[in-house]
Amino acid sequence: MRKNYTLKLKLKSLLEERGLTQKKLSELSRVRESTISDIVRGSRTLINFEHFEKLARALEISEITELIDFDE
């Protein structure tokens, strides 16, 4: 039987923990603020790897689990 997984970015909680605004993250990552807003709201279902990498670098993520939740 095949399992389905849901990936969820923990961007909203990371911003709160680090005291960052979406605008500041946009400046640090060079990802459009509207894209970040869509991710935080959960309305963006696709994210390209380039954006993902830029966000991870800007947030100084060292472990992928800091940024992503995997749900079954």
C-alpha atoms as a PDB file:
ATOM      1  CA  MET A   1       0.000   0.000   0.000  1.00  0.00           C
ATOM      2  CA  ARG A   2       1.258   3.441  -0.912  1.00  0.00           C
ATOM      3  CA  LYS A   3       1.389   6.160   1.753  1.00  0.00           C
ATOM      4  CA  ASN A   4       0.614   9.784   1.067  1.00  0.00           C
ATOM      5  CA  TYR A   5       2.609  12.433   2.837  1.00  0.00           C
ATOM      6  CA  THR A   6       1.879  16.093   3.295  1.00  0.00           C
ATOM      7  CA  LEU A   7       4.744  18.539   3.530  1.00  0.00           C
ATOM      8  CA  LYS A   8       4.159  21.701   5.483  1.00  0.00           C
ATOM      9  CA  LEU A   9       6.563  24.601   5.732  1.00  0.00           C
ATOM     10  CA  LYS A  10       6.905  25.988   9.246  1.00  0.00           C
ATOM     11  CA  LEU A  11       7.626  29.464   7.957  1.00  0.00           C
ATOM     12  CA  LYS A  12       5.100  31.305  10.089  1.00  0.00           C
ATOM     13  CA  SER A  13       6.402  29.886  13.361  1.00  0.00           C
ATOM     14  CA  LEU A  14      10.029  30.450  12.312  1.00  0.00           C
ATOM     15  CA  LEU A  15       9.312  34.102  11.581  1.00  0.00           C
ATOM     16  CA  GLU A  16       7.660  34.506  14.990  1.00  0.00           C
ATOM     17  CA  GLU A  17      10.488  32.704  16.815  1.00  0.00           C
ATOM     18  CA  ARG A  18      13.131  34.849  15.147  1.00  0.00           C
ATOM     19  CA  GLY A  19      11.249  38.117  15.361  1.00  0.00           C
ATOM     20  CA  LEU A  20      11.277  38.592  11.598  1.00  0.00           C
ATOM     21  CA  THR A  21       8.626  40.122   9.406  1.00  0.00           C
ATOM     22  CA  GLN A  22       7.705  38.757   6.018  1.00  0.00           C
ATOM     23  CA  LYS A  23       9.129  41.937   4.527  1.00  0.00           C
ATOM     24  CA  LYS A  24      12.486  41.445   6.262  1.00  0.00           C
ATOM     25  CA  LEU A  25      12.645  37.802   5.152  1.00  0.00           C
ATOM     26  CA  SER A  26      11.900  38.962   1.621  1.00  0.00           C
ATOM     27  CA  GLU A  27      14.844  41.371   1.793  1.00  0.00           C
ATOM     28  CA  LEU A  28      17.167  38.715   3.234  1.00  0.00           C
ATOM     29  CA  SER A  29      16.140  35.949   0.845  1.00  0.00           C
ATOM     30  CA  ARG A  30      15.294  37.958  -2.274  1.00  0.00           C
ATOM     31  CA  VAL A  31      12.017  36.052  -2.529  1.00  0.00           C
ATOM     32  CA  ARG A  32       9.019  38.268  -3.266  1.00  0.00           C
ATOM     33  CA  GLU A  33       7.054  39.255  -0.188  1.00  0.00           C
ATOM     34  CA  SER A  34       3.816  38.101  -1.851  1.00  0.00           C
ATOM     35  CA  THR A  35       5.321  34.620  -2.322  1.00  0.00           C
ATOM     36  CA  ILE A  36       6.316  34.478   1.336  1.00  0.00           C
ATOM     37  CA  SER A  37       2.841  35.652   2.330  1.00  0.00           C
ATOM     38  CA  ASP A  38       1.251  32.896   0.232  1.00  0.00           C
ATOM     39  CA  ILE A  39       3.476  30.282   1.879  1.00  0.00           C
ATOM     40  CA  VAL A  40       2.697  31.558   5.389  1.00  0.00           C
ATOM     41  CA  ARG A  41      -1.060  31.551   4.678  1.00  0.00           C
ATOM     42  CA  GLY A  42      -0.862  28.077   3.166  1.00  0.00           C
ATOM     43  CA  SER A  43      -2.361  29.194  -0.123  1.00  0.00           C
ATOM     44  CA  ARG A  44       0.737  28.264  -2.130  1.00  0.00           C
ATOM     45  CA  THR A  45       0.774  24.559  -2.898  1.00  0.00           C
ATOM     46  CA  LEU A  46       3.959  24.587  -4.985  1.00  0.00           C
ATOM     47  CA  ILE A  47       7.314  26.061  -4.109  1.00  0.00           C
ATOM     48  CA  ASN A  48      10.309  25.874  -6.378  1.00  0.00           C
ATOM     49  CA  PHE A  49      13.635  24.655  -5.065  1.00  0.00           C
ATOM     50  CA  GLU A  50      15.319  27.982  -5.672  1.00  0.00           C
ATOM     51  CA  HIS A  51      12.861  29.770  -3.346  1.00  0.00           C
ATOM     52  CA  PHE A  52      13.144  26.969  -0.823  1.00  0.00           C
ATOM     53  CA  GLU A  53      16.927  27.249  -0.806  1.00  0.00           C
ATOM     54  CA  LYS A  54      16.869  31.048  -0.535  1.00  0.00           C
ATOM     55  CA  LEU A  55      14.473  30.931   2.418  1.00  0.00           C
ATOM     56  CA  ALA A  56      16.512  28.245   4.186  1.00  0.00           C
ATOM     57  CA  ARG A  57      19.735  30.229   3.736  1.00  0.00           C
ATOM     58  CA  ALA A  58      18.152  33.495   4.905  1.00  0.00           C
ATOM     59  CA  LEU A  59      16.791  31.743   8.011  1.00  0.00           C
ATOM     60  CA  GLU A  60      20.134  29.961   8.586  1.00  0.00           C
ATOM     61  CA  ILE A  61      18.455  26.555   8.632  1.00  0.00           C
ATOM     62  CA  SER A  62      20.871  23.737   9.409  1.00  0.00           C
ATOM     63  CA  GLU A  63      18.371  20.844   9.612  1.00  0.00           C
ATOM     64  CA  ILE A  64      15.579  20.414   7.082  1.00  0.00           C
ATOM     65  CA  THR A  65      13.180  19.478   9.882  1.00  0.00           C
ATOM     66  CA  GLU A  66      13.506  23.033  11.207  1.00  0.00           C
ATOM     67  CA  LEU A  67      11.646  24.211   8.116  1.00  0.00           C
ATOM     68  CA  ILE A  68       9.443  21.277   7.109  1.00  0.00           C
ATOM     69  CA  ASP A  69       6.854  19.095   8.848  1.00  0.00           C
ATOM     70  CA  PHE A  70       6.029  15.728   7.320  1.00  0.00           C
ATOM     71  CA  ASP A  71       2.505  14.474   7.978  1.00  0.00           C
ATOM     72  CA  GLU A  72       1.133  11.055   7.022  1.00  0.00           C
END
